[in-house]
Amino acid sequence: MTALAEDLKSLLAKLPTADRAEIASFLLESLPDDAPAVSDDEWEAELNRRVQDMKSGAVIPIPASQVLAELRSEFP
């Protein structure tokens, strides 16, 4: 992913939910019908990487209740 795309992701994440949903819908509709989809193998590799990161301690999981509470306080 380009640096511009990463910057956009950071900015877009701060938008209200309705704005993010509208932009997500726009982006999905803008993809050509023949856009490459992520394969099941790619999803499985990503899942395995994340599980390994948690098992190794490289990342510390955050309980869903905490994440949801933080989101609710940031985006009332």
Protein backbone atom coordinates (compact mmCIF):
# COMPACT_ATOMS: atom_id res chain seq x y z
CA MET A 1 0.00 0.00 0.00
CA THR A 2 1.29 3.45 -0.85
CA ALA A 3 2.11 6.09 1.74
CA LEU A 4 -0.77 8.19 0.40
CA ALA A 5 -3.20 5.32 0.92
CA GLU A 6 -1.93 4.81 4.48
CA ASP A 7 -2.37 8.54 5.18
CA LEU A 8 -5.87 8.44 3.76
CA LYS A 9 -6.76 5.46 5.92
CA SER A 10 -5.68 7.36 9.03
CA LEU A 11 -7.70 10.41 8.06
CA LEU A 12 -10.76 8.46 6.99
CA ALA A 13 -10.84 6.46 10.22
CA LYS A 14 -11.54 9.72 12.07
CA LEU A 15 -14.69 10.48 10.08
CA PRO A 16 -18.16 9.85 11.49
CA THR A 17 -19.58 6.39 10.84
CA ALA A 18 -22.09 7.58 8.23
CA ASP A 19 -19.35 9.32 6.22
CA ARG A 20 -17.09 6.27 6.37
CA ALA A 21 -19.94 4.02 5.26
CA GLU A 22 -20.71 6.27 2.30
CA ILE A 23 -17.06 6.37 1.25
CA ALA A 24 -16.75 2.59 1.65
CA SER A 25 -19.80 2.10 -0.54
CA PHE A 26 -18.40 4.50 -3.14
CA LEU A 27 -15.05 2.72 -3.21
CA LEU A 28 -16.63 -0.74 -3.54
CA GLU A 29 -18.86 0.45 -6.37
CA SER A 30 -15.88 2.06 -8.11
CA LEU A 31 -14.06 -1.26 -8.45
CA PRO A 32 -14.23 -2.89 -11.86
CA ASP A 33 -16.13 -6.15 -12.12
CA ASP A 34 -12.89 -7.97 -12.85
CA ALA A 35 -11.04 -6.53 -9.83
CA PRO A 36 -8.94 -9.24 -8.21
CA ALA A 37 -10.55 -10.60 -5.09
CA VAL A 38 -8.60 -11.74 -2.08
CA SER A 39 -8.38 -15.52 -2.22
CA ASP A 40 -9.27 -17.87 0.60
CA ASP A 41 -5.60 -18.82 0.74
CA GLU A 42 -4.64 -15.18 1.30
CA TRP A 43 -7.23 -14.81 4.06
CA GLU A 44 -6.02 -18.00 5.71
CA ALA A 45 -2.40 -16.83 5.54
CA GLU A 46 -3.40 -13.53 7.15
CA LEU A 47 -5.35 -15.32 9.87
CA ASN A 48 -2.39 -17.62 10.58
CA ARG A 49 -0.04 -14.63 10.75
CA ARG A 50 -2.30 -12.86 13.25
CA VAL A 51 -2.70 -15.96 15.41
CA GLN A 52 1.07 -16.43 15.44
CA ASP A 53 1.54 -12.76 16.39
CA MET A 54 -0.77 -13.25 19.38
CA LYS A 55 0.84 -16.54 20.44
CA SER A 56 4.33 -15.05 20.22
CA GLY A 57 3.35 -11.96 22.19
CA ALA A 58 4.12 -9.64 19.26
CA VAL A 59 0.62 -8.22 19.72
CA ILE A 60 -1.59 -8.16 22.75
CA PRO A 61 -5.27 -8.78 22.03
CA ILE A 62 -7.77 -6.23 23.31
CA PRO A 63 -11.13 -7.49 24.59
CA ALA A 64 -14.03 -6.62 22.28
CA SER A 65 -15.85 -4.93 25.16
CA GLN A 66 -12.93 -2.51 25.58
CA VAL A 67 -12.71 -1.79 21.85
CA LEU A 68 -16.45 -1.16 21.61
CA ALA A 69 -16.40 1.10 24.69
CA GLU A 70 -13.56 3.15 23.18
CA LEU A 71 -15.39 3.43 19.85
CA ARG A 72 -18.61 4.49 21.56
CA SER A 73 -16.82 7.20 23.50
CA GLU A 74 -14.94 8.46 20.43
CA PHE A 75 -17.93 8.28 18.07
CA PRO A 76 -21.06 8.92 20.16
